[in-house]
């Protein structure tokens, strides 16, 4: 992520999200070191697997290979002059939380021989950090108080999505994926549906506003 930050132009849509995600990852690392999580091993495993899905999507896009549907809107519109930085940030968070997180949670359970309830408390602790971060993103990247009018398109667009709702949906999707893990065809189809649905939301979040 630090390599991407150094290599990408600051206004690039992926760079905007990458700065946000790097800050989250570094803060999670500090809290793990400080013993703020119940299960340091599981939290670290999840952090690595979670980040790996984002970095793999970036690698695929860079190589001209198909990326998951949830990431395509950000990759396709990353240079669009009509999309604001806050839209790029939230669209990346939407893709990563809505699609990558439930899959990474399931991967973590498989890797550690764990069950969903083993991860839930630390999942909630990370969630509290993410919600605070979302508030900071909106404060820092919203382009001015004059755009806070309820009739403004950007205010309307960003008011239609919250990280808290996305995080709750991700946990439910993870529990469903875990429950059907012994039905691989059904699990694959369900994961594809998650991917497509999250991608649709991302495309809406990236609506160019002039």
N, C-alpha and C. Protein backbone atom coordinates (compact mmCIF):
# COMPACT_ATOMS: atom_id res chain seq x y z
N UNK A 1 0.83 -1.20 0.00
CA UNK A 1 0.00 0.00 0.00
C UNK A 1 0.87 1.26 0.00
N UNK A 2 1.98 1.22 0.72
CA UNK A 2 2.89 2.37 0.69
C UNK A 2 3.50 2.53 -0.71
N UNK A 3 3.78 1.41 -1.37
CA UNK A 3 4.29 1.48 -2.73
C UNK A 3 3.28 2.11 -3.68
N UNK A 4 2.02 1.75 -3.53
CA UNK A 4 0.98 2.36 -4.36
C UNK A 4 0.87 3.85 -4.08
N UNK A 5 0.94 4.22 -2.82
CA UNK A 5 0.85 5.64 -2.46
C UNK A 5 1.95 6.44 -3.13
N UNK A 6 3.15 5.86 -3.19
CA UNK A 6 4.28 6.57 -3.80
C UNK A 6 4.17 6.61 -5.32
N UNK A 7 3.54 5.59 -5.90
CA UNK A 7 3.54 5.47 -7.36
C UNK A 7 2.38 6.18 -8.04
N UNK A 8 1.24 6.33 -7.35
CA UNK A 8 0.04 6.85 -8.01
C UNK A 8 -0.10 8.36 -7.83
N UNK A 9 -0.64 9.04 -8.86
CA UNK A 9 -0.93 10.48 -8.71
C UNK A 9 -1.94 10.68 -7.58
N UNK A 10 -1.79 11.73 -6.78
CA UNK A 10 -2.68 11.92 -5.62
C UNK A 10 -4.16 11.97 -5.96
N UNK A 11 -4.52 12.47 -7.14
CA UNK A 11 -5.93 12.63 -7.49
C UNK A 11 -6.53 11.35 -8.07
N UNK A 12 -5.68 10.37 -8.39
CA UNK A 12 -6.16 9.08 -8.90
C UNK A 12 -7.13 8.46 -7.90
N UNK A 13 -8.26 7.92 -8.40
CA UNK A 13 -9.28 7.39 -7.50
C UNK A 13 -8.80 6.26 -6.63
N UNK A 14 -7.95 5.39 -7.17
CA UNK A 14 -7.40 4.30 -6.38
C UNK A 14 -6.46 4.85 -5.30
N UNK A 15 -5.70 5.90 -5.65
CA UNK A 15 -4.80 6.52 -4.68
C UNK A 15 -5.58 7.12 -3.51
N UNK A 16 -6.73 7.71 -3.80
CA UNK A 16 -7.55 8.30 -2.74
C UNK A 16 -7.99 7.22 -1.76
N UNK A 17 -8.52 6.11 -2.29
CA UNK A 17 -8.92 5.02 -1.40
C UNK A 17 -7.71 4.42 -0.70
N UNK A 18 -6.61 4.25 -1.41
CA UNK A 18 -5.43 3.61 -0.83
C UNK A 18 -4.92 4.38 0.38
N UNK A 19 -4.95 5.71 0.33
CA UNK A 19 -4.52 6.51 1.49
C UNK A 19 -5.40 6.22 2.70
N UNK A 20 -6.69 6.12 2.46
CA UNK A 20 -7.64 5.83 3.54
C UNK A 20 -7.36 4.44 4.12
N UNK A 21 -7.20 3.46 3.25
CA UNK A 21 -7.03 2.09 3.71
C UNK A 21 -5.69 1.89 4.40
N UNK A 22 -4.66 2.57 3.91
CA UNK A 22 -3.35 2.49 4.57
C UNK A 22 -3.44 3.02 6.00
N UNK A 23 -4.17 4.12 6.18
CA UNK A 23 -4.34 4.68 7.53
C UNK A 23 -5.05 3.69 8.45
N UNK A 24 -6.07 3.01 7.92
CA UNK A 24 -6.80 2.02 8.71
C UNK A 24 -5.89 0.85 9.08
N UNK A 25 -5.15 0.35 8.11
CA UNK A 25 -4.29 -0.80 8.35
C UNK A 25 -3.21 -0.49 9.38
N UNK A 26 -2.64 0.71 9.29
CA UNK A 26 -1.62 1.09 10.26
C UNK A 26 -2.22 1.23 11.66
N UNK A 27 -3.43 1.76 11.75
CA UNK A 27 -4.06 1.90 13.06
C UNK A 27 -4.42 0.54 13.65
N UNK A 28 -4.90 -0.38 12.82
CA UNK A 28 -5.18 -1.73 13.31
C UNK A 28 -3.89 -2.37 13.83
N UNK A 29 -2.79 -2.19 13.09
CA UNK A 29 -1.51 -2.73 13.53
C UNK A 29 -1.08 -2.18 14.88
N UNK A 30 -1.27 -0.88 15.08
CA UNK A 30 -0.92 -0.28 16.37
C UNK A 30 -1.77 -0.86 17.49
N UNK A 31 -3.05 -1.05 17.21
CA UNK A 31 -3.95 -1.57 18.25
C UNK A 31 -3.68 -3.04 18.55
N UNK A 32 -3.29 -3.80 17.53
CA UNK A 32 -2.91 -5.20 17.77
C UNK A 32 -1.68 -5.24 18.69
N UNK A 33 -0.69 -4.42 18.38
CA UNK A 33 0.53 -4.37 19.18
C UNK A 33 0.23 -3.96 20.63
N UNK A 34 -0.74 -3.07 20.77
CA UNK A 34 -1.09 -2.58 22.11
C UNK A 34 -2.01 -3.53 22.87
N UNK A 35 -2.37 -4.66 22.25
CA UNK A 35 -3.22 -5.64 22.93
C UNK A 35 -4.67 -5.24 23.02
N UNK A 36 -5.15 -4.47 22.04
CA UNK A 36 -6.52 -3.97 22.09
C UNK A 36 -7.54 -4.98 21.55
N UNK A 37 -7.06 -6.10 21.00
CA UNK A 37 -7.96 -7.10 20.45
C UNK A 37 -7.91 -8.37 21.29
N UNK A 38 -9.02 -9.07 21.32
CA UNK A 38 -9.12 -10.29 22.11
C UNK A 38 -8.22 -11.39 21.57
N UNK A 39 -8.19 -11.53 20.25
CA UNK A 39 -7.41 -12.59 19.61
C UNK A 39 -6.47 -11.95 18.59
N UNK A 40 -5.24 -11.73 19.00
CA UNK A 40 -4.28 -11.04 18.14
C UNK A 40 -3.99 -11.85 16.88
N UNK A 41 -3.89 -13.18 17.01
CA UNK A 41 -3.58 -14.01 15.85
C UNK A 41 -4.68 -13.92 14.81
N UNK A 42 -5.94 -14.05 15.24
CA UNK A 42 -7.06 -14.01 14.30
C UNK A 42 -7.18 -12.64 13.65
N UNK A 43 -6.99 -11.58 14.43
CA UNK A 43 -7.09 -10.23 13.88
C UNK A 43 -6.00 -9.98 12.85
N UNK A 44 -4.79 -10.43 13.14
CA UNK A 44 -3.68 -10.26 12.20
C UNK A 44 -3.92 -11.07 10.93
N UNK A 45 -4.39 -12.31 11.10
CA UNK A 45 -4.69 -13.16 9.93
C UNK A 45 -5.75 -12.51 9.06
N UNK A 46 -6.80 -12.02 9.69
CA UNK A 46 -7.86 -11.36 8.93
C UNK A 46 -7.34 -10.12 8.22
N UNK A 47 -6.53 -9.33 8.91
CA UNK A 47 -5.99 -8.10 8.33
C UNK A 47 -5.19 -8.41 7.07
N UNK A 48 -4.37 -9.46 7.12
CA UNK A 48 -3.53 -9.84 5.98
C UNK A 48 -4.38 -10.38 4.83
N UNK A 49 -5.30 -11.27 5.13
CA UNK A 49 -6.14 -11.84 4.07
C UNK A 49 -7.05 -10.79 3.44
N UNK A 50 -7.55 -9.89 4.27
CA UNK A 50 -8.42 -8.81 3.82
C UNK A 50 -7.67 -7.89 2.86
N UNK A 51 -6.49 -7.43 3.28
CA UNK A 51 -5.68 -6.56 2.42
C UNK A 51 -5.28 -7.26 1.13
N UNK A 52 -5.01 -8.57 1.24
CA UNK A 52 -4.60 -9.31 0.06
C UNK A 52 -5.63 -9.29 -1.06
N UNK A 53 -6.90 -9.27 -0.70
CA UNK A 53 -7.95 -9.25 -1.73
C UNK A 53 -7.95 -7.92 -2.48
N UNK A 54 -7.75 -6.83 -1.77
CA UNK A 54 -7.66 -5.51 -2.43
C UNK A 54 -6.43 -5.45 -3.32
N UNK A 55 -5.28 -5.86 -2.80
CA UNK A 55 -4.05 -5.77 -3.58
C UNK A 55 -4.09 -6.69 -4.80
N UNK A 56 -4.75 -7.84 -4.68
CA UNK A 56 -4.90 -8.72 -5.83
C UNK A 56 -5.77 -8.07 -6.90
N UNK A 57 -6.83 -7.38 -6.48
CA UNK A 57 -7.69 -6.68 -7.44
C UNK A 57 -6.90 -5.60 -8.18
N UNK A 58 -6.06 -4.86 -7.45
CA UNK A 58 -5.23 -3.84 -8.08
C UNK A 58 -4.25 -4.47 -9.06
N UNK A 59 -3.64 -5.57 -8.67
CA UNK A 59 -2.70 -6.27 -9.56
C UNK A 59 -3.40 -6.72 -10.84
N UNK A 60 -4.60 -7.26 -10.70
CA UNK A 60 -5.34 -7.71 -11.89
C UNK A 60 -5.64 -6.53 -12.81
N UNK A 61 -6.10 -5.43 -12.24
CA UNK A 61 -6.42 -4.26 -13.06
C UNK A 61 -5.17 -3.73 -13.75
N UNK A 62 -4.04 -3.70 -13.04
CA UNK A 62 -2.79 -3.21 -13.62
C UNK A 62 -2.33 -4.08 -14.77
N UNK A 63 -2.58 -5.39 -14.63
CA UNK A 63 -2.16 -6.34 -15.67
C UNK A 63 -3.18 -6.47 -16.79
N UNK A 64 -4.28 -5.73 -16.72
CA UNK A 64 -5.32 -5.82 -17.75
C UNK A 64 -6.18 -7.05 -17.62
N UNK A 65 -6.16 -7.68 -16.45
CA UNK A 65 -7.00 -8.86 -16.21
C UNK A 65 -8.29 -8.45 -15.51
N UNK A 66 -9.35 -9.27 -15.64
CA UNK A 66 -10.62 -8.91 -15.00
C UNK A 66 -10.49 -8.86 -13.48
N UNK A 67 -10.97 -7.79 -12.90
CA UNK A 67 -11.02 -7.66 -11.45
C UNK A 67 -12.43 -8.01 -10.99
N UNK A 68 -12.64 -8.29 -9.72
CA UNK A 68 -14.00 -8.52 -9.23
C UNK A 68 -14.92 -7.37 -9.61
N UNK A 69 -16.18 -7.68 -9.83
CA UNK A 69 -17.15 -6.67 -10.28
C UNK A 69 -17.25 -5.51 -9.29
N UNK A 70 -17.06 -5.78 -8.01
CA UNK A 70 -17.18 -4.72 -7.00
C UNK A 70 -16.12 -3.64 -7.17
N UNK A 71 -14.95 -4.00 -7.73
CA UNK A 71 -13.86 -3.04 -7.89
C UNK A 71 -13.87 -2.36 -9.25
N UNK A 72 -14.57 -2.90 -10.22
CA UNK A 72 -14.48 -2.35 -11.58
C UNK A 72 -14.90 -0.90 -11.69
N UNK A 73 -15.99 -0.46 -11.02
CA UNK A 73 -16.33 0.96 -11.16
C UNK A 73 -15.20 1.90 -10.74
N UNK A 74 -14.52 1.58 -9.63
CA UNK A 74 -13.42 2.43 -9.18
C UNK A 74 -12.28 2.42 -10.18
N UNK A 75 -11.93 1.25 -10.70
CA UNK A 75 -10.83 1.17 -11.66
C UNK A 75 -11.19 1.88 -12.97
N UNK A 76 -12.45 1.78 -13.37
CA UNK A 76 -12.86 2.39 -14.63
C UNK A 76 -12.98 3.91 -14.55
N UNK A 77 -13.38 4.41 -13.38
CA UNK A 77 -13.65 5.85 -13.24
C UNK A 77 -12.59 6.58 -12.42
N UNK A 78 -11.48 5.93 -12.15
CA UNK A 78 -10.48 6.48 -11.24
C UNK A 78 -9.93 7.83 -11.69
N UNK A 79 -10.00 8.14 -12.98
CA UNK A 79 -9.49 9.41 -13.47
C UNK A 79 -10.55 10.37 -13.93
N UNK A 80 -11.81 10.06 -13.68
CA UNK A 80 -12.90 10.90 -14.19
C UNK A 80 -12.92 12.24 -13.45
N UNK A 81 -12.89 13.35 -14.18
CA UNK A 81 -12.83 14.66 -13.52
C UNK A 81 -14.13 15.04 -12.81
N UNK A 82 -15.23 14.37 -13.14
CA UNK A 82 -16.50 14.71 -12.53
C UNK A 82 -16.80 13.94 -11.25
N UNK A 83 -15.87 13.07 -10.83
CA UNK A 83 -16.06 12.29 -9.60
C UNK A 83 -15.20 12.91 -8.50
N UNK A 84 -15.80 13.18 -7.35
CA UNK A 84 -15.10 13.86 -6.25
C UNK A 84 -14.28 12.85 -5.43
N UNK A 85 -13.22 13.32 -4.77
CA UNK A 85 -12.39 12.43 -3.94
C UNK A 85 -13.18 11.63 -2.91
N UNK A 86 -14.17 12.24 -2.27
CA UNK A 86 -14.94 11.51 -1.25
C UNK A 86 -15.71 10.35 -1.88
N UNK A 87 -16.11 10.50 -3.14
CA UNK A 87 -16.79 9.39 -3.82
C UNK A 87 -15.83 8.24 -4.06
N UNK A 88 -14.60 8.55 -4.48
CA UNK A 88 -13.60 7.49 -4.67
C UNK A 88 -13.35 6.74 -3.37
N UNK A 89 -13.19 7.49 -2.29
CA UNK A 89 -12.89 6.86 -0.99
C UNK A 89 -14.00 5.92 -0.56
N UNK A 90 -15.25 6.40 -0.64
CA UNK A 90 -16.37 5.58 -0.18
C UNK A 90 -16.66 4.42 -1.13
N UNK A 91 -16.43 4.61 -2.42
CA UNK A 91 -16.63 3.51 -3.36
C UNK A 91 -15.62 2.39 -3.10
N UNK A 92 -14.38 2.75 -2.77
CA UNK A 92 -13.40 1.73 -2.42
C UNK A 92 -13.75 1.01 -1.14
N UNK A 93 -14.20 1.77 -0.14
CA UNK A 93 -14.62 1.15 1.11
C UNK A 93 -15.81 0.23 0.87
N UNK A 94 -16.75 0.66 0.04
CA UNK A 94 -17.91 -0.17 -0.28
C UNK A 94 -17.48 -1.50 -0.88
N UNK A 95 -16.56 -1.46 -1.84
CA UNK A 95 -16.09 -2.70 -2.48
C UNK A 95 -15.38 -3.60 -1.48
N UNK A 96 -14.52 -2.99 -0.67
CA UNK A 96 -13.69 -3.78 0.22
C UNK A 96 -14.50 -4.36 1.38
N UNK A 97 -15.40 -3.56 1.94
CA UNK A 97 -16.22 -4.05 3.05
C UNK A 97 -17.32 -4.98 2.55
N UNK A 98 -18.01 -4.55 1.49
CA UNK A 98 -19.18 -5.30 1.03
C UNK A 98 -18.86 -6.65 0.44
N UNK A 99 -17.73 -6.75 -0.27
CA UNK A 99 -17.38 -8.01 -0.95
C UNK A 99 -16.18 -8.71 -0.31
N UNK A 100 -15.07 -7.97 -0.17
CA UNK A 100 -13.83 -8.61 0.29
C UNK A 100 -13.90 -9.07 1.74
N UNK A 101 -14.59 -8.29 2.57
CA UNK A 101 -14.61 -8.62 4.00
C UNK A 101 -15.29 -9.95 4.30
N UNK A 102 -16.50 -10.22 3.78
CA UNK A 102 -17.09 -11.53 4.10
C UNK A 102 -16.25 -12.70 3.61
N UNK A 103 -15.61 -12.55 2.46
CA UNK A 103 -14.76 -13.63 1.94
C UNK A 103 -13.51 -13.79 2.80
N UNK A 104 -12.93 -12.66 3.24
CA UNK A 104 -11.74 -12.74 4.09
C UNK A 104 -12.07 -13.32 5.46
N UNK A 105 -13.24 -13.02 5.99
CA UNK A 105 -13.66 -13.61 7.26
C UNK A 105 -13.77 -15.13 7.13
N UNK A 106 -14.38 -15.59 6.02
CA UNK A 106 -14.49 -17.03 5.80
C UNK A 106 -13.11 -17.67 5.63
N UNK A 107 -12.22 -16.98 4.90
CA UNK A 107 -10.85 -17.49 4.73
C UNK A 107 -10.14 -17.60 6.07
N UNK A 108 -10.38 -16.63 6.96
CA UNK A 108 -9.74 -16.64 8.27
C UNK A 108 -10.23 -17.82 9.11
N UNK A 109 -11.52 -18.07 9.07
CA UNK A 109 -12.05 -19.23 9.80
C UNK A 109 -11.45 -20.52 9.30
N UNK A 110 -11.32 -20.64 7.99
CA UNK A 110 -10.72 -21.86 7.42
C UNK A 110 -9.27 -21.99 7.85
N UNK A 111 -8.53 -20.89 7.78
CA UNK A 111 -7.09 -20.94 8.08
C UNK A 111 -6.83 -21.29 9.54
N UNK A 112 -7.70 -20.83 10.43
CA UNK A 112 -7.45 -21.01 11.87
C UNK A 112 -8.32 -22.09 12.50
N UNK A 113 -9.19 -22.71 11.71
CA UNK A 113 -10.11 -23.69 12.29
C UNK A 113 -11.07 -23.04 13.27
N UNK A 114 -11.48 -21.82 12.98
CA UNK A 114 -12.34 -21.05 13.89
C UNK A 114 -13.78 -21.07 13.40
N UNK A 115 -14.67 -20.51 14.22
CA UNK A 115 -16.08 -20.35 13.89
C UNK A 115 -16.42 -18.85 13.94
N UNK A 116 -17.51 -18.45 13.30
CA UNK A 116 -17.85 -17.02 13.28
C UNK A 116 -17.87 -16.36 14.65
N UNK A 117 -18.40 -17.04 15.66
CA UNK A 117 -18.50 -16.41 16.97
C UNK A 117 -17.12 -16.11 17.57
N UNK A 118 -16.08 -16.84 17.10
CA UNK A 118 -14.73 -16.58 17.58
C UNK A 118 -14.20 -15.23 17.11
N UNK A 119 -14.73 -14.73 16.01
CA UNK A 119 -14.24 -13.49 15.41
C UNK A 119 -15.11 -12.28 15.72
N UNK A 120 -16.28 -12.51 16.27
CA UNK A 120 -17.28 -11.44 16.33
C UNK A 120 -16.86 -10.25 17.19
N UNK A 121 -16.31 -10.48 18.35
CA UNK A 121 -15.96 -9.35 19.23
C UNK A 121 -14.89 -8.47 18.61
N UNK A 122 -13.87 -9.07 18.03
CA UNK A 122 -12.82 -8.27 17.40
C UNK A 122 -13.32 -7.63 16.11
N UNK A 123 -14.23 -8.29 15.41
CA UNK A 123 -14.88 -7.68 14.24
C UNK A 123 -15.58 -6.39 14.65
N UNK A 124 -16.25 -6.41 15.78
CA UNK A 124 -16.94 -5.21 16.27
C UNK A 124 -15.95 -4.12 16.65
N UNK A 125 -14.81 -4.50 17.22
CA UNK A 125 -13.80 -3.50 17.59
C UNK A 125 -13.22 -2.82 16.35
N UNK A 126 -12.97 -3.60 15.31
CA UNK A 126 -12.49 -3.00 14.06
C UNK A 126 -13.59 -2.12 13.47
N UNK A 127 -14.82 -2.56 13.58
CA UNK A 127 -15.94 -1.78 13.05
C UNK A 127 -16.05 -0.42 13.68
N UNK A 128 -15.82 -0.33 14.98
CA UNK A 128 -15.85 0.96 15.67
C UNK A 128 -14.80 1.91 15.09
N UNK A 129 -13.62 1.37 14.79
CA UNK A 129 -12.55 2.17 14.19
C UNK A 129 -12.96 2.64 12.79
N UNK A 130 -13.57 1.76 12.02
CA UNK A 130 -13.96 2.11 10.66
C UNK A 130 -15.03 3.18 10.62
N UNK A 131 -15.99 3.10 11.53
CA UNK A 131 -17.06 4.11 11.56
C UNK A 131 -16.48 5.48 11.89
N UNK A 132 -15.55 5.54 12.82
CA UNK A 132 -14.89 6.81 13.14
C UNK A 132 -14.13 7.33 11.91
N UNK A 133 -13.50 6.41 11.19
CA UNK A 133 -12.75 6.80 10.00
C UNK A 133 -13.68 7.34 8.92
N UNK A 134 -14.85 6.71 8.75
CA UNK A 134 -15.80 7.20 7.76
C UNK A 134 -16.20 8.64 8.06
N UNK A 135 -16.42 8.93 9.32
CA UNK A 135 -16.79 10.30 9.70
C UNK A 135 -15.68 11.27 9.33
N UNK A 136 -14.43 10.86 9.56
CA UNK A 136 -13.30 11.73 9.24
C UNK A 136 -13.18 11.94 7.73
N UNK A 137 -13.42 10.86 6.96
CA UNK A 137 -13.36 10.96 5.50
C UNK A 137 -14.37 11.99 5.00
N UNK A 138 -15.58 11.88 5.50
CA UNK A 138 -16.63 12.80 5.05
C UNK A 138 -16.27 14.24 5.43
N UNK A 139 -15.69 14.44 6.59
CA UNK A 139 -15.32 15.79 7.03
C UNK A 139 -14.17 16.35 6.19
N UNK A 140 -13.16 15.51 5.90
CA UNK A 140 -11.96 15.99 5.23
C UNK A 140 -12.12 16.09 3.72
N UNK A 141 -12.92 15.22 3.13
CA UNK A 141 -13.00 15.17 1.66
C UNK A 141 -14.25 15.82 1.10
N UNK A 142 -15.23 16.15 1.93
CA UNK A 142 -16.36 16.91 1.41
C UNK A 142 -15.85 18.27 0.96
N UNK A 143 -16.20 18.72 -0.24
CA UNK A 143 -15.55 19.90 -0.81
C UNK A 143 -16.01 21.24 -0.29
N UNK A 144 -16.85 21.34 0.71
CA UNK A 144 -17.22 22.65 1.22
C UNK A 144 -18.58 22.64 1.88
N UNK A 145 -18.77 23.51 2.83
CA UNK A 145 -20.02 23.56 3.56
C UNK A 145 -21.19 23.91 2.66
N UNK A 146 -20.92 24.63 1.55
CA UNK A 146 -22.03 25.01 0.68
C UNK A 146 -22.69 23.80 0.02
N UNK A 147 -21.97 22.66 0.03
CA UNK A 147 -22.52 21.47 -0.59
C UNK A 147 -23.33 20.62 0.37
N UNK A 148 -23.52 21.09 1.59
CA UNK A 148 -24.27 20.32 2.57
C UNK A 148 -25.77 20.55 2.47
N UNK A 149 -26.18 21.37 1.51
CA UNK A 149 -27.61 21.58 1.29
C UNK A 149 -28.26 20.24 0.94
N UNK A 150 -29.43 20.01 1.47
CA UNK A 150 -30.09 18.71 1.26
C UNK A 150 -30.39 18.44 -0.20
N UNK A 151 -30.52 19.50 -1.00
CA UNK A 151 -30.83 19.31 -2.42
C UNK A 151 -29.59 19.09 -3.28
N UNK A 152 -28.41 19.22 -2.70
CA UNK A 152 -27.20 19.04 -3.49
C UNK A 152 -27.02 17.58 -3.88
N UNK A 153 -26.69 17.29 -5.14
CA UNK A 153 -26.56 15.89 -5.57
C UNK A 153 -25.54 15.09 -4.78
N UNK A 154 -24.42 15.70 -4.42
CA UNK A 154 -23.40 14.96 -3.68
C UNK A 154 -23.90 14.61 -2.28
N UNK A 155 -24.55 15.55 -1.63
CA UNK A 155 -25.10 15.28 -0.30
C UNK A 155 -26.12 14.15 -0.37
N UNK A 156 -26.96 14.19 -1.38
CA UNK A 156 -27.97 13.14 -1.54
C UNK A 156 -27.31 11.78 -1.80
N UNK A 157 -26.30 11.77 -2.68
CA UNK A 157 -25.63 10.52 -3.04
C UNK A 157 -24.93 9.90 -1.83
N UNK A 158 -24.19 10.69 -1.08
CA UNK A 158 -23.44 10.16 0.04
C UNK A 158 -24.33 9.82 1.23
N UNK A 159 -25.49 10.45 1.30
CA UNK A 159 -26.42 10.13 2.36
C UNK A 159 -27.13 8.80 2.18
N UNK A 160 -26.98 8.22 0.98
CA UNK A 160 -27.66 6.96 0.70
C UNK A 160 -26.84 5.74 1.09
N UNK A 161 -25.61 5.96 1.60
CA UNK A 161 -24.72 4.84 1.94
C UNK A 161 -24.04 5.12 3.27
N UNK A 162 -23.96 4.11 4.14
CA UNK A 162 -23.20 4.23 5.38
C UNK A 162 -22.35 3.00 5.58
N UNK A 163 -21.22 3.20 6.20
CA UNK A 163 -20.33 2.07 6.46
C UNK A 163 -20.95 1.11 7.47
N UNK A 164 -21.68 1.64 8.43
CA UNK A 164 -22.30 0.78 9.45
C UNK A 164 -23.24 -0.23 8.80
N UNK A 165 -24.05 0.24 7.84
CA UNK A 165 -24.96 -0.66 7.14
C UNK A 165 -24.18 -1.67 6.30
N UNK A 166 -23.13 -1.21 5.63
CA UNK A 166 -22.33 -2.11 4.81
C UNK A 166 -21.63 -3.16 5.66
N UNK A 167 -21.16 -2.76 6.83
CA UNK A 167 -20.48 -3.70 7.73
C UNK A 167 -21.46 -4.76 8.25
N UNK A 168 -22.67 -4.34 8.59
CA UNK A 168 -23.68 -5.31 9.03
C UNK A 168 -24.03 -6.30 7.94
N UNK A 169 -24.14 -5.80 6.71
CA UNK A 169 -24.43 -6.69 5.58
C UNK A 169 -23.28 -7.66 5.34
N UNK A 170 -22.05 -7.18 5.53
CA UNK A 170 -20.88 -8.04 5.33
C UNK A 170 -20.86 -9.18 6.34
N UNK A 171 -21.20 -8.88 7.59
CA UNK A 171 -21.22 -9.93 8.60
C UNK A 171 -22.29 -10.97 8.28
N UNK A 172 -23.47 -10.53 7.85
CA UNK A 172 -24.54 -11.46 7.48
C UNK A 172 -24.13 -12.31 6.28
N UNK A 173 -23.47 -11.67 5.31
CA UNK A 173 -23.02 -12.41 4.12
C UNK A 173 -21.98 -13.46 4.51
N UNK A 174 -21.08 -13.09 5.41
CA UNK A 174 -20.07 -14.04 5.89
C UNK A 174 -20.72 -15.23 6.57
N UNK A 175 -21.68 -14.98 7.46
CA UNK A 175 -22.33 -16.09 8.16
C UNK A 175 -23.05 -17.01 7.18
N UNK A 176 -23.64 -16.42 6.14
CA UNK A 176 -24.32 -17.24 5.13
C UNK A 176 -23.30 -18.07 4.35
N UNK A 177 -22.21 -17.43 3.94
CA UNK A 177 -21.17 -18.16 3.22
C UNK A 177 -20.62 -19.31 4.07
N UNK A 178 -20.45 -19.05 5.36
CA UNK A 178 -19.91 -20.10 6.24
C UNK A 178 -20.91 -21.24 6.39
N UNK A 179 -22.20 -20.89 6.46
CA UNK A 179 -23.23 -21.92 6.64
C UNK A 179 -23.34 -22.82 5.42
N UNK A 180 -23.03 -22.31 4.23
CA UNK A 180 -23.18 -23.11 3.01
C UNK A 180 -21.82 -23.54 2.44
N UNK A 181 -20.77 -23.48 3.28
CA UNK A 181 -19.42 -23.77 2.78
C UNK A 181 -19.28 -25.18 2.25
N UNK A 182 -20.14 -26.11 2.70
CA UNK A 182 -20.05 -27.49 2.22
C UNK A 182 -20.88 -27.71 0.95
N UNK A 183 -21.44 -26.63 0.43
CA UNK A 183 -22.17 -26.66 -0.84
C UNK A 183 -21.45 -25.71 -1.79
N UNK A 184 -20.34 -26.15 -2.37
CA UNK A 184 -19.45 -25.23 -3.09
C UNK A 184 -20.11 -24.50 -4.26
N UNK A 185 -20.98 -25.16 -5.01
CA UNK A 185 -21.63 -24.48 -6.13
C UNK A 185 -22.52 -23.35 -5.65
N UNK A 186 -23.28 -23.62 -4.59
CA UNK A 186 -24.16 -22.59 -4.03
C UNK A 186 -23.34 -21.46 -3.42
N UNK A 187 -22.27 -21.80 -2.72
CA UNK A 187 -21.42 -20.78 -2.10
C UNK A 187 -20.79 -19.89 -3.16
N UNK A 188 -20.36 -20.49 -4.26
CA UNK A 188 -19.75 -19.72 -5.35
C UNK A 188 -20.77 -18.78 -5.98
N UNK A 189 -21.98 -19.30 -6.19
CA UNK A 189 -23.04 -18.46 -6.77
C UNK A 189 -23.39 -17.31 -5.83
N UNK A 190 -23.47 -17.59 -4.53
CA UNK A 190 -23.79 -16.54 -3.57
C UNK A 190 -22.69 -15.47 -3.55
N UNK A 191 -21.43 -15.89 -3.58
CA UNK A 191 -20.33 -14.93 -3.60
C UNK A 191 -20.38 -14.07 -4.86
N UNK A 192 -20.72 -14.67 -5.99
CA UNK A 192 -20.85 -13.91 -7.24
C UNK A 192 -21.97 -12.88 -7.14
N UNK A 193 -23.07 -13.24 -6.48
CA UNK A 193 -24.18 -12.30 -6.31
C UNK A 193 -23.77 -11.13 -5.42
N UNK A 194 -23.02 -11.43 -4.36
CA UNK A 194 -22.50 -10.36 -3.50
C UNK A 194 -21.64 -9.41 -4.33
N UNK A 195 -20.74 -9.98 -5.11
CA UNK A 195 -19.83 -9.19 -5.94
C UNK A 195 -20.61 -8.26 -6.87
N UNK A 196 -21.60 -8.80 -7.56
CA UNK A 196 -22.37 -8.01 -8.51
C UNK A 196 -23.16 -6.91 -7.82
N UNK A 197 -23.79 -7.23 -6.70
CA UNK A 197 -24.58 -6.25 -5.98
C UNK A 197 -23.75 -5.12 -5.42
N UNK A 198 -22.59 -5.45 -4.86
CA UNK A 198 -21.70 -4.43 -4.32
C UNK A 198 -21.16 -3.56 -5.46
N UNK A 199 -20.88 -4.17 -6.59
CA UNK A 199 -20.42 -3.41 -7.75
C UNK A 199 -21.45 -2.41 -8.23
N UNK A 200 -22.72 -2.79 -8.19
CA UNK A 200 -23.80 -1.88 -8.59
C UNK A 200 -23.86 -0.67 -7.66
N UNK A 201 -23.74 -0.91 -6.36
CA UNK A 201 -23.73 0.19 -5.40
C UNK A 201 -22.52 1.10 -5.66
N UNK A 202 -21.37 0.50 -5.93
CA UNK A 202 -20.17 1.28 -6.21
C UNK A 202 -20.34 2.17 -7.42
N UNK A 203 -20.98 1.65 -8.45
CA UNK A 203 -21.20 2.46 -9.65
C UNK A 203 -22.10 3.65 -9.34
N UNK A 204 -23.09 3.44 -8.49
CA UNK A 204 -23.95 4.56 -8.09
C UNK A 204 -23.17 5.60 -7.29
N UNK A 205 -22.31 5.14 -6.37
CA UNK A 205 -21.51 6.07 -5.57
C UNK A 205 -20.57 6.89 -6.44
N UNK A 206 -20.17 6.38 -7.58
CA UNK A 206 -19.23 7.06 -8.46
C UNK A 206 -19.92 7.83 -9.58
N UNK A 207 -21.20 8.10 -9.43
CA UNK A 207 -21.91 8.90 -10.45
C UNK A 207 -21.20 10.24 -10.64
N UNK A 208 -20.74 10.57 -11.85
CA UNK A 208 -20.08 11.86 -12.06
C UNK A 208 -21.04 13.01 -11.80
N UNK A 209 -20.57 14.01 -11.07
CA UNK A 209 -21.42 15.13 -10.68
C UNK A 209 -20.99 16.45 -11.31
N UNK A 210 -20.17 16.38 -12.36
CA UNK A 210 -19.76 17.59 -13.04
C UNK A 210 -18.46 18.15 -12.51
